[in-house]
């Protein structure tokens, strides 16, 4: 008899930002598959088993979890943030799509979580208050030319842009290149929010105008949010600036 497979997100890393649904799945499951640092965020019992793997082994991880679930186990696949945003839910679905027929019989539940851009946005106000999009700067799974095209189109369309996977040791140049491209389409004063480890003890939130945005402020724990031409910064005496994108824009009907 087939077991169950839960795909959960731990949120940005603050235990208080993990949903009750996800916590209930953790209580139920016997086996946990995920990238090691994400599994480290869970407090597991002695009768629960970790299956840690490298961050680039997503399809293999999904296949191993599905195989165990078909044998009757209650399995949990763990992502950071929301499992459906650049994370493991897509890998599990792809594995089911391409894998053996028995994987399609697994009782699958994907549980939503708080993704990084929401945690970062909340720290500064409401930069995602109007239309926005999310892009990954990693070219491991798609060509860089596609990323550049999408960035340009998003900027031209007036979207606030949240950038995931902005930089790594293997990709130290891409965020700087993205900023140069965006400067061709957006005002120099457009706010750029660097949100590192939002909600965790080592959190760092930095805001710079696009003309001075420094890619060195980002790492793989950072989500970068670039405002639209409509995004506003409210200076407050004795308090951090507030950043928001108005819900109504010129030419729209209220």
Foldseek 3Di string as FASTA:
>chain_A
DFAAEEEFACELQANVQGDPVVVVLLVQFQEEEEAVVQVVSDDHDPRHYYDHDHPPCQLVRLVVQLVVRLVHGSYYYYHHAFCVPPHRVVSNVVCCVPHDVSSVVHHYHGDTGHHPVNLQLVVFAALVLAAADEDECDCPPHHNVVVLVVLLVCQQVQHWYKYAQQDEPVRHCRNVVSLVSSVVRADQQWKKWKWASRNDPPTDIDIDGSVPDDSVVDYNRIMMITHGNQWDWADDPPDHIHIHRDHDDPPDDD
